[in-house]
Protein backbone atom coordinates (compact mmCIF):
# COMPACT_ATOMS: atom_id res chain seq x y z
CA MET A 1 77.92 89.06 81.31
CA LYS A 2 76.88 87.06 84.29
CA VAL A 3 76.75 88.16 87.87
CA LEU A 4 76.49 85.77 90.72
CA ILE A 5 75.02 87.38 93.80
CA THR A 6 75.22 85.54 97.06
CA VAL A 7 74.11 88.26 99.50
CA LYS A 8 70.71 89.69 100.34
CA ILE A 9 69.48 92.38 97.66
CA SER A 10 66.13 93.97 97.34
CA ASP A 11 63.96 93.29 94.36
CA GLU A 12 64.13 97.03 93.25
CA GLN A 13 67.90 96.83 93.31
CA LEU A 14 67.94 93.47 91.34
CA GLU A 15 65.86 95.18 88.52
CA LYS A 16 68.18 98.12 88.43
CA ILE A 17 71.16 95.67 88.00
CA LYS A 18 69.38 93.89 85.25
CA SER A 19 68.67 97.11 83.46
CA LEU A 20 72.44 97.61 83.09
CA GLY A 21 72.45 94.48 80.82
CA TYR A 22 73.59 91.79 83.28
CA GLU A 23 72.34 88.16 83.53
CA ILE A 24 71.72 87.52 87.27
CA ILE A 25 72.35 84.42 89.16
CA ARG A 26 71.13 84.30 92.79
CA ILE A 27 72.13 81.71 95.24
CA SER A 28 72.50 82.20 99.02
CA GLU A 29 75.90 81.69 100.65
CA SER A 30 74.52 78.80 102.69
CA LYS A 31 73.53 76.86 99.63
CA ILE A 32 76.13 77.85 97.13
CA LYS A 33 78.36 75.21 95.51
CA ASN A 34 80.24 74.75 92.27
CA CYS A 35 78.12 73.85 89.29
CA GLU A 36 77.89 74.69 85.60
CA GLU A 37 75.86 77.74 86.21
CA VAL A 38 77.90 79.12 89.11
CA ASP A 39 81.25 78.27 87.34
CA ASP A 40 80.21 80.39 84.41
CA ALA A 41 79.93 83.74 86.23
CA ASP A 42 82.03 86.67 85.37
CA ILE A 43 81.42 88.73 88.49
CA LEU A 44 80.84 87.34 92.15
CA VAL A 45 79.09 89.80 94.58
CA THR A 46 79.45 88.13 97.98
CA TYR A 47 80.55 88.15 101.59
CA ASN A 48 82.20 84.91 102.42
CA PRO A 49 81.25 81.71 100.34
CA PHE A 50 84.83 80.45 99.99
CA LYS A 51 84.53 77.42 102.38
CA ARG A 52 81.82 76.11 100.04
CA LEU A 53 82.91 77.63 96.62
CA ASP A 54 86.25 76.81 94.82
CA ILE A 55 86.86 79.89 92.54
CA SER A 56 89.75 77.99 90.72
CA LYS A 57 86.80 76.22 88.93
CA MET A 58 85.33 79.59 87.87
CA LYS A 59 87.37 80.15 84.71
CA ASN A 60 85.43 83.22 83.73
CA LEU A 61 85.63 85.04 86.99
CA LYS A 62 87.24 88.54 86.60
CA TYR A 63 85.88 90.51 89.40
CA ILE A 64 84.91 89.85 93.18
CA MET A 65 82.87 92.51 94.84
CA LEU A 66 82.89 91.92 98.51
CA THR A 67 80.24 93.52 100.87
CA SER A 68 82.65 93.38 103.81
CA VAL A 69 85.54 95.80 104.47
CA GLY A 70 88.04 93.10 105.53
CA PHE A 71 89.01 90.37 103.12
CA ASP A 72 90.67 87.81 105.35
CA GLN A 73 88.14 85.32 104.05
CA LEU A 74 89.38 85.50 100.53
CA PRO A 75 91.53 82.58 99.07
CA LYS A 76 94.33 85.18 98.24
CA GLU A 77 96.64 82.84 96.37
CA LYS A 78 93.86 81.84 93.89
CA VAL A 79 92.67 85.35 93.49
CA ILE A 80 96.26 86.47 92.60
CA LYS A 81 96.81 83.47 90.43
CA GLN A 82 93.59 84.05 88.41
CA ASN A 83 94.25 87.87 88.21
CA ILE A 84 90.94 88.74 89.67
CA GLN A 85 90.08 92.18 90.66
CA VAL A 86 88.60 92.72 94.12
CA THR A 87 86.72 95.48 95.69
CA ASN A 88 85.49 95.90 99.24
CA ASN A 89 82.90 97.93 101.00
CA ARG A 90 85.39 100.45 102.43
CA GLY A 91 83.60 103.24 104.07
CA GLY A 92 80.37 101.39 104.18
CA TYR A 93 80.36 100.69 107.80
CA SER A 94 82.30 103.78 108.96
CA ILE A 95 79.43 105.68 110.32
CA PRO A 96 78.03 103.04 112.70
CA MET A 97 81.51 102.06 113.71
CA SER A 98 82.53 105.74 114.45
CA GLU A 99 79.29 106.03 116.59
CA TRP A 100 80.42 103.02 118.56
CA ILE A 101 83.81 104.55 119.18
CA VAL A 102 82.19 107.74 120.39
CA MET A 103 79.75 105.83 122.46
CA CYS A 104 82.47 103.70 124.11
CA ILE A 105 84.66 106.62 124.95
CA LEU A 106 81.79 108.39 126.69
CA GLU A 107 80.72 105.25 128.42
CA ILE A 108 84.24 104.93 129.84
CA TYR A 109 84.44 108.55 130.86
CA LYS A 110 81.12 108.52 132.51
CA LYS A 111 81.40 105.11 134.03
CA SER A 112 78.17 103.91 132.38
CA LYS A 113 78.97 100.24 132.99
CA MET A 114 79.18 100.69 136.74
CA LEU A 115 76.06 102.83 136.87
CA TYR A 116 74.15 100.28 134.79
CA LYS A 117 75.07 97.62 137.37
CA GLN A 118 73.79 99.95 140.18
CA GLN A 119 70.56 100.25 138.42
CA GLN A 120 70.29 96.46 138.15
CA ASP A 121 71.12 96.09 141.79
CA LYS A 122 68.74 98.98 142.75
CA VAL A 123 71.77 100.84 144.40
CA TRP A 124 71.46 104.51 144.77
CA HIS A 125 75.10 105.58 145.07
CA MET A 126 76.56 108.95 143.66
CA ASP A 127 80.04 108.69 142.09
CA PHE A 128 82.28 111.67 142.05
CA GLY A 129 85.03 109.88 140.03
CA ILE A 130 83.38 110.66 136.73
CA SER A 131 85.45 112.49 134.09
CA GLU A 132 85.09 115.12 131.28
CA LEU A 133 86.14 114.14 127.82
CA TYR A 134 86.69 117.90 127.13
CA GLY A 135 90.40 118.75 126.71
CA SER A 136 91.53 115.17 126.26
CA ARG A 137 93.73 114.04 123.33
CA ILE A 138 92.57 111.03 121.35
CA GLY A 139 94.95 109.07 119.15
CA PHE A 140 93.88 107.05 116.12
CA LEU A 141 95.98 104.12 114.76
CA GLY A 142 94.93 104.43 111.15
CA THR A 143 93.37 107.54 109.48
CA GLY A 144 90.97 105.81 107.13
CA THR A 145 87.31 106.27 106.80
CA ILE A 146 86.28 104.89 110.28
CA ALA A 147 88.86 107.12 111.97
CA VAL A 148 87.88 110.22 109.89
CA GLU A 149 84.21 109.69 110.68
CA ALA A 150 84.94 109.24 114.35
CA ALA A 151 87.23 112.32 114.46
CA LYS A 152 84.65 114.34 112.68
CA ARG A 153 82.11 113.58 115.52
CA LEU A 154 84.61 113.90 118.37
CA ASN A 155 85.61 117.43 117.16
CA GLY A 156 82.41 118.65 118.99
CA PHE A 157 83.68 117.54 122.24
CA GLY A 158 86.53 119.96 122.41
CA VAL A 159 89.35 117.33 122.23
CA GLU A 160 92.59 117.22 120.35
CA ILE A 161 92.87 114.51 117.74
CA TRP A 162 96.04 112.87 116.63
CA GLY A 163 96.39 110.16 113.96
CA TYR A 164 99.03 107.60 112.74
CA ASN A 165 99.31 106.45 109.14
CA THR A 166 102.11 105.15 106.97
CA ASN A 167 103.54 108.44 105.79
CA GLY A 168 102.41 111.01 108.30
CA ARG A 169 100.18 112.65 105.72
CA GLU A 170 97.85 115.36 106.99
CA VAL A 171 94.21 114.25 107.15
CA GLU A 172 91.03 116.48 107.66
CA TYR A 173 89.66 116.58 111.18
CA PHE A 174 93.05 115.59 112.62
CA ASP A 175 95.12 118.18 114.58
CA ARG A 176 98.47 116.24 114.08
CA CYS A 177 99.39 113.12 112.14
CA PHE A 178 102.44 110.85 112.47
CA GLY A 179 104.33 108.59 110.29
CA LYS A 180 105.62 105.06 110.36
CA ASN A 181 108.64 105.60 112.71
CA GLN A 182 106.43 107.85 115.11
CA ILE A 183 103.79 105.48 116.17
CA ASN A 184 104.87 105.70 119.87
CA GLU A 185 103.98 109.22 120.01
CA ILE A 186 100.39 108.21 119.93
CA PHE A 187 100.87 105.61 122.74
CA LYS A 188 102.91 108.02 124.91
CA ASN A 189 100.86 111.22 124.65
CA CYS A 190 97.16 110.29 124.14
CA ASP A 191 94.55 109.83 126.79
CA VAL A 192 92.56 107.53 124.46
CA VAL A 193 94.13 105.26 121.84
CA VAL A 194 91.75 103.85 119.29
CA SER A 195 92.88 101.07 116.76
CA THR A 196 91.15 100.99 113.38
CA MET A 197 93.97 99.29 111.51
CA PRO A 198 93.63 96.24 109.11
CA CYS A 199 95.31 92.91 109.87
CA THR A 200 98.49 92.50 107.82
CA GLU A 201 101.83 90.67 108.10
CA ASN A 202 103.25 93.97 109.58
CA THR A 203 100.32 94.62 112.04
CA ILE A 204 99.72 91.21 113.61
CA GLY A 205 100.49 91.37 117.27
CA MET A 206 102.02 94.90 117.09
CA ILE A 207 100.04 96.22 120.11
CA ASP A 208 101.85 94.45 122.81
CA LYS A 209 103.28 94.97 126.33
CA ASP A 210 105.83 97.48 125.01
CA LYS A 211 103.09 99.62 123.58
CA PHE A 212 100.84 99.37 126.70
CA GLU A 213 103.88 100.20 128.85
CA LEU A 214 104.30 103.49 127.04
CA MET A 215 100.60 104.44 127.58
CA LYS A 216 99.55 106.92 130.38
CA GLN A 217 98.28 105.66 133.65
CA GLY A 218 94.54 106.07 133.56
CA SER A 219 94.34 106.27 129.78
CA SER A 220 91.93 104.19 127.65
CA PHE A 221 92.32 101.74 124.80
CA ILE A 222 89.76 100.88 122.08
CA ASN A 223 89.94 98.24 119.28
CA VAL A 224 87.57 98.20 116.27
CA GLY A 225 90.23 97.16 113.68
CA ARG A 226 91.27 93.51 113.89
CA GLY A 227 91.60 91.43 116.96
CA LYS A 228 94.92 89.84 115.91
CA ILE A 229 96.52 93.28 116.03
CA VAL A 230 96.52 93.13 119.81
CA ASN A 231 98.35 90.72 121.95
CA GLU A 232 95.46 89.91 124.34
CA GLU A 233 97.65 88.21 126.93
CA ASP A 234 99.69 91.38 127.34
CA LEU A 235 96.58 93.52 127.34
CA ILE A 236 95.04 91.52 130.07
CA LYS A 237 98.26 91.91 132.29
CA TYR A 238 97.94 95.77 131.77
CA LEU A 239 94.23 96.18 132.40
CA ASP A 240 94.69 97.85 135.82
CA LYS A 241 96.62 100.51 134.14
CA PHE A 242 93.47 101.78 132.19
CA LYS A 243 90.54 104.01 132.84
CA GLY A 244 88.66 101.72 130.47
CA VAL A 245 89.15 99.36 127.56
CA ALA A 246 86.51 98.69 124.85
CA LEU A 247 86.85 95.83 122.43
CA ASP A 248 84.69 94.79 119.50
CA VAL A 249 87.26 92.40 117.84
CA PHE A 250 89.36 89.72 119.40
CA GLU A 251 92.26 87.33 118.68
CA GLN A 252 89.72 84.37 118.81
CA GLU A 253 85.94 84.88 118.02
CA PRO A 254 83.73 84.15 119.73
CA LEU A 255 85.67 85.22 122.62
CA PRO A 256 86.20 82.16 124.95
CA LYS A 257 84.06 82.14 128.05
CA GLU A 258 87.29 81.55 130.17
CA SER A 259 88.78 84.93 129.05
CA PRO A 260 89.39 87.39 131.86
CA LEU A 261 88.11 90.13 129.60
CA TRP A 262 84.53 89.15 130.24
CA ASP A 263 84.66 89.97 133.95
CA ALA A 264 87.02 92.86 134.06
CA ASP A 265 85.11 95.87 135.49
CA ASN A 266 86.93 98.34 133.19
CA VAL A 267 86.38 96.42 129.99
CA ILE A 268 83.49 96.74 127.58
CA VAL A 269 83.04 93.65 125.33
CA THR A 270 80.73 93.60 122.26
CA PRO A 271 80.60 90.71 119.76
CA HIS A 272 82.05 92.19 116.55
CA ASN A 273 78.94 94.19 116.37
CA CYS A 274 79.94 97.73 116.04
CA TRP A 275 79.51 97.76 112.08
CA VAL A 276 75.76 96.85 112.39
CA SER A 277 73.25 99.52 111.31
CA ASP A 278 69.82 99.74 109.93
CA LYS A 279 71.20 101.67 107.01
CA ASN A 280 73.96 99.13 105.86
CA ASP A 281 71.89 97.49 103.26
CA ILE A 282 71.11 100.95 101.56
CA ARG A 283 74.86 101.72 101.45
CA VAL A 284 75.88 98.30 100.22
CA GLU A 285 73.40 98.25 97.37
CA LYS A 286 74.34 101.78 96.36
CA LEU A 287 77.98 100.87 96.01
CA MET A 288 77.01 97.59 94.28
CA TYR A 289 74.97 99.42 91.57
CA SER A 290 77.62 102.12 91.00
CA ASN A 291 80.54 99.71 90.64
CA LEU A 292 78.56 97.26 88.35
CA LYS A 293 77.62 100.25 86.26
CA LYS A 294 81.22 101.48 86.04
CA TYR A 295 82.54 97.91 85.33
CA LYS A 296 80.01 97.55 82.54
CA GLU A 297 81.11 100.79 80.99
CA GLY A 298 84.75 99.94 81.34
CA LYS A 299 85.54 102.62 83.99
CA GLN A 300 87.61 102.06 86.99
CA VAL A 301 85.48 100.70 89.99
CA ASP A 302 85.76 102.08 93.46
CA ASN A 303 87.44 100.53 96.50
CA ILE A 304 89.94 98.33 94.76
CA VAL A 305 92.04 96.47 97.22
CA ASN A 306 95.59 95.54 97.12
CA ILE A 307 95.67 91.78 98.05
CA GLU A 308 99.40 91.63 98.68
CA ARG A 309 99.52 94.79 100.68
CA GLY A 310 96.54 93.79 102.88
CA TYR A 311 94.15 96.81 102.38
C-alpha cells in the first residue's frame, strides 16, 4: 500500500511508518503535481496540495489524512464522488488555541494593549479602570476540543462557563450548556463570548448585528473559529459596545490594510496564528502513525470528518 506524504515529517517517524509495511512517496506541496507515481497512491497525508493536485486522477486513492483541523481546502465534490475517507487533526491544535483564548481574555481585562503602548511611548500613567476576570461568565459557541481545553484552564479563574452545541448536551468543565434554539442565551448573558465553531452552510454570517445587539454593554467577543462566521461590517459598527475584541480569523485573509479593525484601540488582531506551537509536529506525527497503523490493521481510524455536514 502506497502513502503519499506532502508535509514535513521526521526521519524517525518515517521509519516507523515504513515498519508498518507501507511504501512511502515523499513530495513537498510546493512541488507536487500529478504523475504516474503520485496517481498510484492509496493514501494521501497532506495539508493543502489541491490547487496543484487533481485527485480525480488518483484512481487508487481511498483515504486522505489532513494535518489541519478545517477542511475548506478539500475538493469536496471529488472526495464524495470517489468515496474517499477523510480524517483531520481535530484536537491537535486545541491546547495552543485554548492558551491564546485565555491570553486574550486577560489582555482585554488587564488592558495590556494600552499598557504596552504606554511602555513604547515611555508614558508613566496608572490606570484604575482595569477589571478582574473573577466572577465573570464566559460563553463558548461550540463545545469541541478547543472550547473544552479553554474551559479547563479558565476554571481556575473562578468564572462561570456556558456552552452552546447542537443539542444542549452536557460537557465536562461547562456549568451550563444550551441547544440549537437557545444560542441567544449565550449572547444575552455572557460577559465574554468565544466562537470556536466551524464554517458550514448554517454558520456563515450567523454572528451579525442581531447577535451583537443582544450582548451586554462592556462585554467582549473573541473569534478563533472561522472568519466567515462573523459579519465583520456589523462587528465594526458595534466596536464601541465592547470592552474588547480579539480576532485570529477574518472574512478575508490577510486582513486588508484598510480594515478599521487594525486601528481600533479595543481590538486585538493576530494573523491566523493562534494554532501555532512548538509541540504541533509531535502531535501530528503521533496521530499520523496511529491512524496509519489502524488503517493497515483494518480498524476504524480517528477523527473521521463528515464532508457534507461540515465537521
